[in-house]
Amino acid sequence: MLQVQEIRIDPENRRAWRGDEEVRLSRKEFDLVHALIARAGDIVTRDELMRDVWKTTFWTSSKTIDVHLGWVRRKLGDDSRRPHLITTIRGQGLRFEREAPA
């Protein structure tokens, strides 16, 4: 089990919870959350996400990541305008925050 803030995932059984409520994630959504939570507090580049989640190093647009990230944020209750879970670090990548901002 991995837990950061109120999000907990069970990588072995591919299950996720927000608090006590289970969150249904697609395969790619789960892989995206897992990739970010496993490195919580660190910036994960889009190249690393494409390699680790989509298993490719060739891509022409980050739209795939953006679309999946939008779905994940909605399901986890993270407001994209004022995120407390997943922060976009402009020009660098994404970071799953270890703690909610004060």
N, C-alpha and C. Protein backbone atom coordinates (compact mmCIF):
# COMPACT_ATOMS: atom_id res chain seq x y z
N MET A 1 0.84 -1.19 0.00
CA MET A 1 0.00 0.00 0.00
C MET A 1 0.88 1.24 0.00
N LEU A 2 0.47 2.21 -0.77
CA LEU A 2 1.11 3.52 -0.77
C LEU A 2 0.05 4.55 -0.39
N GLN A 3 0.42 5.49 0.46
CA GLN A 3 -0.53 6.53 0.83
C GLN A 3 0.16 7.88 0.86
N VAL A 4 -0.47 8.87 0.23
CA VAL A 4 -0.02 10.24 0.26
C VAL A 4 -1.27 11.10 0.42
N GLN A 5 -1.23 11.98 1.41
CA GLN A 5 -2.40 12.76 1.80
C GLN A 5 -3.56 11.78 2.02
N GLU A 6 -4.73 12.07 1.45
CA GLU A 6 -5.89 11.20 1.68
C GLU A 6 -6.04 10.11 0.62
N ILE A 7 -5.05 10.01 -0.28
CA ILE A 7 -5.11 9.03 -1.36
C ILE A 7 -4.25 7.82 -1.00
N ARG A 8 -4.85 6.65 -1.14
CA ARG A 8 -4.17 5.38 -0.84
C ARG A 8 -4.36 4.47 -2.04
N ILE A 9 -3.30 3.80 -2.44
CA ILE A 9 -3.41 2.85 -3.54
C ILE A 9 -2.79 1.51 -3.14
N ASP A 10 -3.34 0.48 -3.72
CA ASP A 10 -2.84 -0.88 -3.55
C ASP A 10 -2.37 -1.34 -4.93
N PRO A 11 -1.06 -1.16 -5.22
CA PRO A 11 -0.56 -1.49 -6.56
C PRO A 11 -0.77 -2.94 -6.96
N GLU A 12 -0.65 -3.85 -6.01
CA GLU A 12 -0.79 -5.27 -6.33
C GLU A 12 -2.19 -5.61 -6.85
N ASN A 13 -3.22 -5.03 -6.21
CA ASN A 13 -4.59 -5.32 -6.60
C ASN A 13 -5.22 -4.21 -7.45
N ARG A 14 -4.41 -3.18 -7.77
CA ARG A 14 -4.83 -2.08 -8.64
C ARG A 14 -6.12 -1.41 -8.13
N ARG A 15 -6.10 -1.05 -6.85
CA ARG A 15 -7.24 -0.38 -6.24
C ARG A 15 -6.78 0.94 -5.64
N ALA A 16 -7.72 1.91 -5.60
CA ALA A 16 -7.40 3.23 -5.06
C ALA A 16 -8.54 3.73 -4.19
N TRP A 17 -8.19 4.52 -3.16
CA TRP A 17 -9.18 5.10 -2.26
C TRP A 17 -8.87 6.56 -2.01
N ARG A 18 -9.90 7.33 -1.83
CA ARG A 18 -9.80 8.70 -1.34
C ARG A 18 -10.48 8.68 0.01
N GLY A 19 -9.68 8.74 1.07
CA GLY A 19 -10.22 8.52 2.40
C GLY A 19 -10.71 7.09 2.49
N ASP A 20 -11.97 6.90 2.87
CA ASP A 20 -12.54 5.56 2.96
C ASP A 20 -13.30 5.14 1.71
N GLU A 21 -13.41 6.06 0.74
CA GLU A 21 -14.18 5.79 -0.48
C GLU A 21 -13.30 5.27 -1.60
N GLU A 22 -13.67 4.11 -2.13
CA GLU A 22 -12.90 3.56 -3.24
C GLU A 22 -13.15 4.39 -4.50
N VAL A 23 -12.09 4.61 -5.24
CA VAL A 23 -12.15 5.39 -6.48
C VAL A 23 -11.90 4.45 -7.64
N ARG A 24 -12.80 4.43 -8.58
CA ARG A 24 -12.64 3.57 -9.77
C ARG A 24 -11.78 4.29 -10.79
N LEU A 25 -10.63 3.70 -11.10
CA LEU A 25 -9.72 4.26 -12.08
C LEU A 25 -9.52 3.27 -13.22
N SER A 26 -9.42 3.81 -14.44
CA SER A 26 -9.09 2.94 -15.56
C SER A 26 -7.65 2.47 -15.40
N ARG A 27 -7.24 1.57 -16.24
CA ARG A 27 -5.88 1.03 -16.16
C ARG A 27 -4.84 2.14 -16.28
N LYS A 28 -4.97 2.99 -17.28
CA LYS A 28 -4.00 4.08 -17.48
C LYS A 28 -4.09 5.11 -16.36
N GLU A 29 -5.29 5.42 -15.90
CA GLU A 29 -5.44 6.36 -14.79
C GLU A 29 -4.72 5.82 -13.55
N PHE A 30 -4.91 4.54 -13.27
CA PHE A 30 -4.24 3.94 -12.11
C PHE A 30 -2.72 4.00 -12.29
N ASP A 31 -2.25 3.65 -13.48
CA ASP A 31 -0.81 3.68 -13.74
C ASP A 31 -0.24 5.09 -13.57
N LEU A 32 -1.00 6.09 -14.00
CA LEU A 32 -0.57 7.49 -13.85
C LEU A 32 -0.48 7.88 -12.37
N VAL A 33 -1.52 7.55 -11.61
CA VAL A 33 -1.52 7.85 -10.17
C VAL A 33 -0.38 7.11 -9.48
N HIS A 34 -0.21 5.85 -9.83
CA HIS A 34 0.86 5.05 -9.21
C HIS A 34 2.23 5.67 -9.51
N ALA A 35 2.47 6.06 -10.76
CA ALA A 35 3.75 6.65 -11.14
C ALA A 35 4.03 7.93 -10.35
N LEU A 36 2.98 8.71 -10.11
CA LEU A 36 3.16 9.98 -9.38
C LEU A 36 3.29 9.75 -7.87
N ILE A 37 2.44 8.89 -7.31
CA ILE A 37 2.50 8.65 -5.86
C ILE A 37 3.81 7.95 -5.47
N ALA A 38 4.29 7.07 -6.31
CA ALA A 38 5.53 6.36 -6.01
C ALA A 38 6.71 7.33 -5.87
N ARG A 39 6.58 8.49 -6.49
CA ARG A 39 7.64 9.51 -6.42
C ARG A 39 7.11 10.80 -5.82
N ALA A 40 6.18 10.68 -4.89
CA ALA A 40 5.56 11.85 -4.26
C ALA A 40 6.62 12.83 -3.77
N GLY A 41 6.38 14.09 -4.05
CA GLY A 41 7.31 15.15 -3.67
C GLY A 41 8.34 15.46 -4.73
N ASP A 42 8.52 14.56 -5.68
CA ASP A 42 9.48 14.76 -6.78
C ASP A 42 8.74 15.18 -8.05
N ILE A 43 9.42 15.91 -8.90
CA ILE A 43 8.85 16.24 -10.21
C ILE A 43 9.06 15.06 -11.14
N VAL A 44 7.98 14.63 -11.78
CA VAL A 44 8.03 13.54 -12.76
C VAL A 44 7.79 14.19 -14.12
N THR A 45 8.73 14.02 -15.02
CA THR A 45 8.62 14.66 -16.33
C THR A 45 7.58 13.94 -17.20
N ARG A 46 7.12 14.65 -18.19
CA ARG A 46 6.17 14.06 -19.15
C ARG A 46 6.84 12.91 -19.91
N ASP A 47 8.12 13.05 -20.22
CA ASP A 47 8.85 11.96 -20.88
C ASP A 47 8.85 10.71 -20.02
N GLU A 48 9.08 10.88 -18.72
CA GLU A 48 9.08 9.73 -17.81
C GLU A 48 7.69 9.09 -17.75
N LEU A 49 6.65 9.92 -17.73
CA LEU A 49 5.29 9.37 -17.70
C LEU A 49 4.96 8.63 -18.98
N MET A 50 5.36 9.18 -20.12
CA MET A 50 5.10 8.48 -21.38
C MET A 50 5.84 7.14 -21.40
N ARG A 51 7.05 7.13 -20.90
CA ARG A 51 7.84 5.89 -20.87
C ARG A 51 7.24 4.88 -19.89
N ASP A 52 6.91 5.33 -18.68
CA ASP A 52 6.49 4.41 -17.62
C ASP A 52 5.02 4.02 -17.68
N VAL A 53 4.16 4.93 -18.10
CA VAL A 53 2.73 4.66 -18.12
C VAL A 53 2.27 4.18 -19.49
N TRP A 54 2.71 4.87 -20.55
CA TRP A 54 2.26 4.51 -21.89
C TRP A 54 3.26 3.62 -22.61
N LYS A 55 4.38 3.32 -21.98
CA LYS A 55 5.39 2.39 -22.49
C LYS A 55 5.91 2.78 -23.87
N THR A 56 6.13 4.08 -24.05
CA THR A 56 6.67 4.57 -25.31
C THR A 56 7.60 5.73 -25.04
N THR A 57 8.54 5.93 -25.94
CA THR A 57 9.41 7.10 -25.85
C THR A 57 9.15 8.03 -27.02
N PHE A 58 8.24 7.63 -27.91
CA PHE A 58 7.93 8.46 -29.07
C PHE A 58 6.52 9.02 -28.91
N TRP A 59 6.42 10.32 -28.85
CA TRP A 59 5.13 10.98 -28.78
C TRP A 59 5.25 12.38 -29.32
N THR A 60 4.17 12.88 -29.86
CA THR A 60 4.20 14.19 -30.50
C THR A 60 3.39 15.23 -29.74
N SER A 61 2.55 14.80 -28.79
CA SER A 61 1.70 15.72 -28.06
C SER A 61 1.53 15.26 -26.63
N SER A 62 1.46 16.24 -25.72
CA SER A 62 1.23 15.89 -24.32
C SER A 62 -0.26 15.84 -24.00
N LYS A 63 -1.10 15.96 -25.03
CA LYS A 63 -2.55 15.96 -24.82
C LYS A 63 -3.03 14.69 -24.14
N THR A 64 -2.43 13.57 -24.45
CA THR A 64 -2.81 12.30 -23.82
C THR A 64 -2.65 12.40 -22.30
N ILE A 65 -1.52 12.90 -21.86
CA ILE A 65 -1.29 13.05 -20.43
C ILE A 65 -2.29 14.03 -19.84
N ASP A 66 -2.52 15.16 -20.51
CA ASP A 66 -3.44 16.19 -20.02
C ASP A 66 -4.86 15.66 -19.85
N VAL A 67 -5.32 14.89 -20.82
CA VAL A 67 -6.68 14.33 -20.76
C VAL A 67 -6.79 13.36 -19.58
N HIS A 68 -5.86 12.44 -19.47
CA HIS A 68 -5.89 11.47 -18.37
C HIS A 68 -5.74 12.17 -17.02
N LEU A 69 -4.89 13.17 -16.97
CA LEU A 69 -4.69 13.93 -15.74
C LEU A 69 -5.99 14.62 -15.32
N GLY A 70 -6.72 15.16 -16.28
CA GLY A 70 -8.01 15.78 -15.98
C GLY A 70 -8.98 14.79 -15.38
N TRP A 71 -9.05 13.60 -15.95
CA TRP A 71 -9.95 12.56 -15.42
C TRP A 71 -9.53 12.16 -14.01
N VAL A 72 -8.21 11.98 -13.80
CA VAL A 72 -7.70 11.59 -12.49
C VAL A 72 -8.02 12.67 -11.45
N ARG A 73 -7.76 13.92 -11.79
CA ARG A 73 -8.04 15.01 -10.85
C ARG A 73 -9.52 15.03 -10.44
N ARG A 74 -10.40 14.87 -11.40
CA ARG A 74 -11.84 14.85 -11.08
C ARG A 74 -12.18 13.70 -10.15
N LYS A 75 -11.68 12.52 -10.45
CA LYS A 75 -11.99 11.34 -9.64
C LYS A 75 -11.41 11.43 -8.24
N LEU A 76 -10.26 12.09 -8.10
CA LEU A 76 -9.62 12.21 -6.79
C LEU A 76 -10.06 13.46 -6.03
N GLY A 77 -10.88 14.29 -6.67
CA GLY A 77 -11.37 15.50 -6.01
C GLY A 77 -10.32 16.60 -5.95
N ASP A 78 -9.47 16.67 -6.95
CA ASP A 78 -8.41 17.68 -7.00
C ASP A 78 -8.82 18.77 -7.98
N ASP A 79 -8.94 19.99 -7.52
CA ASP A 79 -9.35 21.13 -8.34
C ASP A 79 -8.16 21.58 -9.19
N SER A 80 -8.31 21.52 -10.51
CA SER A 80 -7.19 21.85 -11.40
C SER A 80 -6.79 23.33 -11.29
N ARG A 81 -7.71 24.19 -10.85
CA ARG A 81 -7.38 25.61 -10.70
C ARG A 81 -6.58 25.87 -9.42
N ARG A 82 -6.84 25.08 -8.39
CA ARG A 82 -6.12 25.18 -7.11
C ARG A 82 -5.83 23.77 -6.60
N PRO A 83 -4.94 23.07 -7.29
CA PRO A 83 -4.69 21.66 -6.92
C PRO A 83 -4.01 21.53 -5.57
N HIS A 84 -4.40 20.50 -4.85
CA HIS A 84 -3.73 20.18 -3.59
C HIS A 84 -3.06 18.81 -3.65
N LEU A 85 -3.37 18.03 -4.69
CA LEU A 85 -2.76 16.71 -4.84
C LEU A 85 -1.68 16.71 -5.92
N ILE A 86 -2.08 17.01 -7.15
CA ILE A 86 -1.15 16.94 -8.28
C ILE A 86 -0.93 18.35 -8.81
N THR A 87 0.31 18.78 -8.73
CA THR A 87 0.68 20.12 -9.17
C THR A 87 1.43 20.03 -10.50
N THR A 88 1.07 20.90 -11.43
CA THR A 88 1.82 21.02 -12.67
C THR A 88 2.95 22.01 -12.45
N ILE A 89 4.16 21.58 -12.71
CA ILE A 89 5.33 22.43 -12.60
C ILE A 89 5.69 22.84 -14.03
N ARG A 90 5.30 24.05 -14.36
CA ARG A 90 5.43 24.52 -15.75
C ARG A 90 6.83 24.30 -16.31
N GLY A 91 6.85 23.68 -17.49
CA GLY A 91 8.11 23.43 -18.18
C GLY A 91 8.92 22.27 -17.63
N GLN A 92 8.42 21.63 -16.56
CA GLN A 92 9.18 20.54 -15.95
C GLN A 92 8.42 19.23 -15.86
N GLY A 93 7.18 19.27 -15.39
CA GLY A 93 6.42 18.03 -15.26
C GLY A 93 5.34 18.15 -14.19
N LEU A 94 5.08 17.05 -13.52
CA LEU A 94 4.01 16.97 -12.51
C LEU A 94 4.60 16.48 -11.19
N ARG A 95 3.96 16.90 -10.10
CA ARG A 95 4.39 16.46 -8.78
C ARG A 95 3.17 16.12 -7.94
N PHE A 96 3.16 14.93 -7.35
CA PHE A 96 2.14 14.57 -6.37
C PHE A 96 2.63 15.12 -5.04
N GLU A 97 1.88 16.06 -4.49
CA GLU A 97 2.30 16.76 -3.27
C GLU A 97 2.21 15.85 -2.05
N ARG A 98 3.25 15.82 -1.25
CA ARG A 98 3.26 15.03 -0.02
C ARG A 98 2.27 15.56 0.99
N GLU A 99 2.13 16.89 1.03
CA GLU A 99 1.21 17.52 1.98
C GLU A 99 0.37 18.55 1.25
N ALA A 100 -0.86 18.73 1.71
CA ALA A 100 -1.73 19.75 1.13
C ALA A 100 -1.14 21.13 1.44
N PRO A 101 -1.25 22.06 0.50
CA PRO A 101 -0.74 23.42 0.77
C PRO A 101 -1.47 24.05 1.95
N ALA A 102 -0.75 24.87 2.69
CA ALA A 102 -1.34 25.53 3.88
C ALA A 102 -2.31 26.61 3.47
